[in-house]
Amino acid sequence: MTAQSGKDLLLKIGDGGSPESFASVAGLRAKSITLNARTVDATNADSPGAWRELLSGAGMKSCAISGSGIFVDAAADETVRAAFFAQSADTWRIVVPDFGTIEGAFVVTSLEYSGRHDGEAAYALSLASAGALSFAAA
């Protein structure tokens, strides 16, 4: 596999329609996805050699997404801002080139606006998964 362009990683938010239509969150320069799985320790006095044992399939899974960039699309900004203030669990689609697509409910947990006197207005956002996610390989 060859190196992939970071700009091809896309964050898209659904409109809640049926069928759902997705709009890219425009202007993002940096994006990251973190998939987590907490483990459940099942170690006990009878564990072989006193090695830790983990209970398979019992942990909690979560996904955190963050991004930052500049404003280039007022409609996308309004959609994300509305989702933050409503604290709604909207459907998001995350497209990772040559890997696949992650889709499911996310809540906007952080929305930050910034700007310098000699630069562009910028924003940063963080999402937390709010339910089961699906994955479709590319």
C-alpha atoms as a PDB file:
ATOM      1  CA  MET A   1       0.000   0.000   0.000  1.00  0.00           C
ATOM      2  CA  THR A   2       1.279   3.439  -0.863  1.00  0.00           C
ATOM      3  CA  ALA A   3       1.038   6.494   1.362  1.00  0.00           C
ATOM      4  CA  GLN A   4      -2.337   8.217   1.364  1.00  0.00           C
ATOM      5  CA  SER A   5      -3.091  11.922   1.274  1.00  0.00           C
ATOM      6  CA  GLY A   6      -4.438  13.174   4.610  1.00  0.00           C
ATOM      7  CA  LYS A   7      -6.838  15.487   2.815  1.00  0.00           C
ATOM      8  CA  ASP A   8      -8.720  12.439   1.538  1.00  0.00           C
ATOM      9  CA  LEU A   9      -9.881  11.510   5.053  1.00  0.00           C
ATOM     10  CA  LEU A  10     -13.396  12.958   5.179  1.00  0.00           C
ATOM     11  CA  LEU A  11     -15.839  13.757   7.973  1.00  0.00           C
ATOM     12  CA  LYS A  12     -19.447  13.897   6.819  1.00  0.00           C
ATOM     13  CA  ILE A  13     -22.586  14.656   8.810  1.00  0.00           C
ATOM     14  CA  GLY A  14     -25.993  13.254   7.940  1.00  0.00           C
ATOM     15  CA  ASP A  15     -29.123  15.318   7.473  1.00  0.00           C
ATOM     16  CA  GLY A  16     -31.419  12.898   9.324  1.00  0.00           C
ATOM     17  CA  GLY A  17     -33.428  12.221   6.174  1.00  0.00           C
ATOM     18  CA  SER A  18     -34.594   8.912   4.767  1.00  0.00           C
ATOM     19  CA  PRO A  19     -32.537   8.018   2.871  1.00  0.00           C
ATOM     20  CA  GLU A  20     -29.867   9.967   4.701  1.00  0.00           C
ATOM     21  CA  SER A  21     -27.792  12.440   2.736  1.00  0.00           C
ATOM     22  CA  PHE A  22     -24.291  13.366   3.955  1.00  0.00           C
ATOM     23  CA  ALA A  23     -22.429  16.670   3.664  1.00  0.00           C
ATOM     24  CA  SER A  24     -18.664  16.974   4.122  1.00  0.00           C
ATOM     25  CA  VAL A  25     -17.513  19.181   6.996  1.00  0.00           C
ATOM     26  CA  ALA A  26     -15.585  21.617   4.848  1.00  0.00           C
ATOM     27  CA  GLY A  27     -12.312  23.336   5.588  1.00  0.00           C
ATOM     28  CA  LEU A  28     -10.814  20.673   7.848  1.00  0.00           C
ATOM     29  CA  ARG A  29      -7.025  20.675   7.627  1.00  0.00           C
ATOM     30  CA  ALA A  30      -6.260  18.109  10.326  1.00  0.00           C
ATOM     31  CA  LYS A  31      -8.344  15.087  11.304  1.00  0.00           C
ATOM     32  CA  SER A  32      -7.833  12.126  13.603  1.00  0.00           C
ATOM     33  CA  ILE A  33      -9.778   9.006  14.558  1.00  0.00           C
ATOM     34  CA  THR A  34      -9.205   7.021  17.723  1.00  0.00           C
ATOM     35  CA  LEU A  35     -10.838   3.624  18.201  1.00  0.00           C
ATOM     36  CA  ASN A  36     -10.792   2.370  21.785  1.00  0.00           C
ATOM     37  CA  ALA A  37     -11.689  -0.890  23.484  1.00  0.00           C
ATOM     38  CA  ARG A  38     -11.662  -1.148  27.265  1.00  0.00           C
ATOM     39  CA  THR A  39     -10.792  -4.527  28.634  1.00  0.00           C
ATOM     40  CA  VAL A  40     -12.403  -6.478  31.449  1.00  0.00           C
ATOM     41  CA  ASP A  41      -9.846  -8.074  33.743  1.00  0.00           C
ATOM     42  CA  ALA A  42     -10.887 -11.640  34.608  1.00  0.00           C
ATOM     43  CA  THR A  43      -7.680 -12.546  36.439  1.00  0.00           C
ATOM     44  CA  ASN A  44      -8.181 -14.571  39.602  1.00  0.00           C
ATOM     45  CA  ALA A  45      -6.232 -16.751  42.056  1.00  0.00           C
ATOM     46  CA  ASP A  46      -6.448 -19.689  39.631  1.00  0.00           C
ATOM     47  CA  SER A  47      -5.110 -17.812  36.580  1.00  0.00           C
ATOM     48  CA  PRO A  48      -2.285 -19.868  35.022  1.00  0.00           C
ATOM     49  CA  GLY A  49       1.109 -18.583  36.168  1.00  0.00           C
ATOM     50  CA  ALA A  50      -0.595 -15.516  37.668  1.00  0.00           C
ATOM     51  CA  TRP A  51      -0.859 -14.052  34.167  1.00  0.00           C
ATOM     52  CA  ARG A  52      -3.575 -11.514  33.538  1.00  0.00           C
ATOM     53  CA  GLU A  53      -6.656 -12.881  31.800  1.00  0.00           C
ATOM     54  CA  LEU A  54      -9.039 -10.700  29.832  1.00  0.00           C
ATOM     55  CA  LEU A  55     -12.698 -11.508  29.292  1.00  0.00           C
ATOM     56  CA  SER A  56     -13.149 -11.730  25.536  1.00  0.00           C
ATOM     57  CA  GLY A  57     -15.835  -9.510  24.040  1.00  0.00           C
ATOM     58  CA  ALA A  58     -16.848  -7.937  27.350  1.00  0.00           C
ATOM     59  CA  GLY A  59     -15.180  -4.532  27.088  1.00  0.00           C
ATOM     60  CA  MET A  60     -16.687  -1.229  26.064  1.00  0.00           C
ATOM     61  CA  LYS A  61     -15.812   0.096  22.605  1.00  0.00           C
ATOM     62  CA  SER A  62     -15.744   3.767  21.683  1.00  0.00           C
ATOM     63  CA  CYS A  63     -14.582   6.063  18.936  1.00  0.00           C
ATOM     64  CA  ALA A  64     -13.307   9.631  19.244  1.00  0.00           C
ATOM     65  CA  ILE A  65     -12.819  11.938  16.287  1.00  0.00           C
ATOM     66  CA  SER A  66     -11.252  15.370  16.163  1.00  0.00           C
ATOM     67  CA  GLY A  67     -10.604  17.876  13.451  1.00  0.00           C
ATOM     68  CA  SER A  68      -9.507  21.431  12.951  1.00  0.00           C
ATOM     69  CA  GLY A  69      -9.485  23.828  10.057  1.00  0.00           C
ATOM     70  CA  ILE A  70     -10.773  27.055   8.579  1.00  0.00           C
ATOM     71  CA  PHE A  71     -14.227  28.252   7.628  1.00  0.00           C
ATOM     72  CA  VAL A  72     -15.019  27.786   3.961  1.00  0.00           C
ATOM     73  CA  ASP A  73     -18.660  26.665   4.022  1.00  0.00           C
ATOM     74  CA  ALA A  74     -21.305  28.478   6.093  1.00  0.00           C
ATOM     75  CA  ALA A  75     -23.843  25.655   5.679  1.00  0.00           C
ATOM     76  CA  ALA A  76     -21.491  22.997   7.092  1.00  0.00           C
ATOM     77  CA  ASP A  77     -20.553  25.327   9.966  1.00  0.00           C
ATOM     78  CA  GLU A  78     -24.224  25.910  10.798  1.00  0.00           C
ATOM     79  CA  THR A  79     -24.946  22.160  10.744  1.00  0.00           C
ATOM     80  CA  VAL A  80     -22.085  21.356  13.145  1.00  0.00           C
ATOM     81  CA  ARG A  81     -22.939  24.311  15.411  1.00  0.00           C
ATOM     82  CA  ALA A  82     -26.603  23.261  15.569  1.00  0.00           C
ATOM     83  CA  ALA A  83     -25.569  19.682  16.428  1.00  0.00           C
ATOM     84  CA  PHE A  84     -23.361  20.979  19.247  1.00  0.00           C
ATOM     85  CA  PHE A  85     -26.012  23.191  20.838  1.00  0.00           C
ATOM     86  CA  ALA A  86     -28.677  20.489  20.508  1.00  0.00           C
ATOM     87  CA  GLN A  87     -26.248  17.836  21.802  1.00  0.00           C
ATOM     88  CA  SER A  88     -27.947  15.537  19.327  1.00  0.00           C
ATOM     89  CA  ALA A  89     -26.578  12.141  18.383  1.00  0.00           C
ATOM     90  CA  ASP A  90     -26.401  12.641  14.625  1.00  0.00           C
ATOM     91  CA  THR A  91     -25.239  10.115  12.064  1.00  0.00           C
ATOM     92  CA  TRP A  92     -21.708  10.797  10.880  1.00  0.00           C
ATOM     93  CA  ARG A  93     -19.747   9.055   8.134  1.00  0.00           C
ATOM     94  CA  ILE A  94     -15.959   8.952   8.308  1.00  0.00           C
ATOM     95  CA  VAL A  95     -14.229   7.995   5.076  1.00  0.00           C
ATOM     96  CA  VAL A  96     -10.672   6.676   5.412  1.00  0.00           C
ATOM     97  CA  PRO A  97      -9.102   6.162   1.955  1.00  0.00           C
ATOM     98  CA  ASP A  98      -8.102   2.579   1.103  1.00  0.00           C
ATOM     99  CA  PHE A  99      -9.330   1.465   4.557  1.00  0.00           C
ATOM    100  CA  GLY A 100     -13.072   1.888   4.659  1.00  0.00           C
ATOM    101  CA  THR A 101     -15.977   3.844   6.065  1.00  0.00           C
ATOM    102  CA  ILE A 102     -17.056   4.152   9.691  1.00  0.00           C
ATOM    103  CA  GLU A 103     -20.636   5.255  10.233  1.00  0.00           C
ATOM    104  CA  GLY A 104     -22.846   5.780  13.245  1.00  0.00           C
ATOM    105  CA  ALA A 105     -24.151   8.156  15.876  1.00  0.00           C
ATOM    106  CA  PHE A 106     -21.766  10.760  17.290  1.00  0.00           C
ATOM    107  CA  VAL A 107     -22.217  13.753  19.586  1.00  0.00           C
ATOM    108  CA  VAL A 108     -20.195  16.942  19.105  1.00  0.00           C
ATOM    109  CA  THR A 109     -18.430  17.175  22.482  1.00  0.00           C
ATOM    110  CA  SER A 110     -16.253  20.195  21.780  1.00  0.00           C
ATOM    111  CA  LEU A 111     -16.458  23.088  19.349  1.00  0.00           C
ATOM    112  CA  GLU A 112     -13.759  25.744  19.487  1.00  0.00           C
ATOM    113  CA  TYR A 113     -13.463  28.954  17.484  1.00  0.00           C
ATOM    114  CA  SER A 114     -10.228  30.911  17.207  1.00  0.00           C
ATOM    115  CA  GLY A 115      -8.551  33.564  15.127  1.00  0.00           C
ATOM    116  CA  ARG A 116      -5.530  35.809  15.004  1.00  0.00           C
ATOM    117  CA  HIS A 117      -5.557  39.457  14.067  1.00  0.00           C
ATOM    118  CA  ASP A 118      -3.431  38.662  11.004  1.00  0.00           C
ATOM    119  CA  GLY A 119      -4.942  35.323   9.991  1.00  0.00           C
ATOM    120  CA  GLU A 120      -8.076  33.416   9.139  1.00  0.00           C
ATOM    121  CA  ALA A 121     -10.831  32.350  11.536  1.00  0.00           C
ATOM    122  CA  ALA A 122     -10.375  28.736  12.544  1.00  0.00           C
ATOM    123  CA  TYR A 123     -12.310  26.061  14.384  1.00  0.00           C
ATOM    124  CA  ALA A 124     -11.750  22.703  16.043  1.00  0.00           C
ATOM    125  CA  LEU A 125     -14.258  20.023  16.891  1.00  0.00           C
ATOM    126  CA  SER A 126     -14.366  16.747  18.784  1.00  0.00           C
ATOM    127  CA  LEU A 127     -16.882  13.940  18.389  1.00  0.00           C
ATOM    128  CA  ALA A 128     -17.655  10.998  20.678  1.00  0.00           C
ATOM    129  CA  SER A 129     -19.456   7.872  19.535  1.00  0.00           C
ATOM    130  CA  ALA A 130     -22.989   7.580  20.912  1.00  0.00           C
ATOM    131  CA  GLY A 131     -23.955   4.060  19.890  1.00  0.00           C
ATOM    132  CA  ALA A 132     -22.977   1.122  17.725  1.00  0.00           C
ATOM    133  CA  LEU A 133     -20.820   1.918  14.713  1.00  0.00           C
ATOM    134  CA  SER A 134     -20.640   0.105  11.413  1.00  0.00           C
ATOM    135  CA  PHE A 135     -17.545  -0.434   9.301  1.00  0.00           C
ATOM    136  CA  ALA A 136     -17.465  -1.091   5.563  1.00  0.00           C
ATOM    137  CA  ALA A 137     -14.103  -1.997   4.026  1.00  0.00           C
ATOM    138  CA  ALA A 138     -12.964  -0.018   0.997  1.00  0.00           C
END
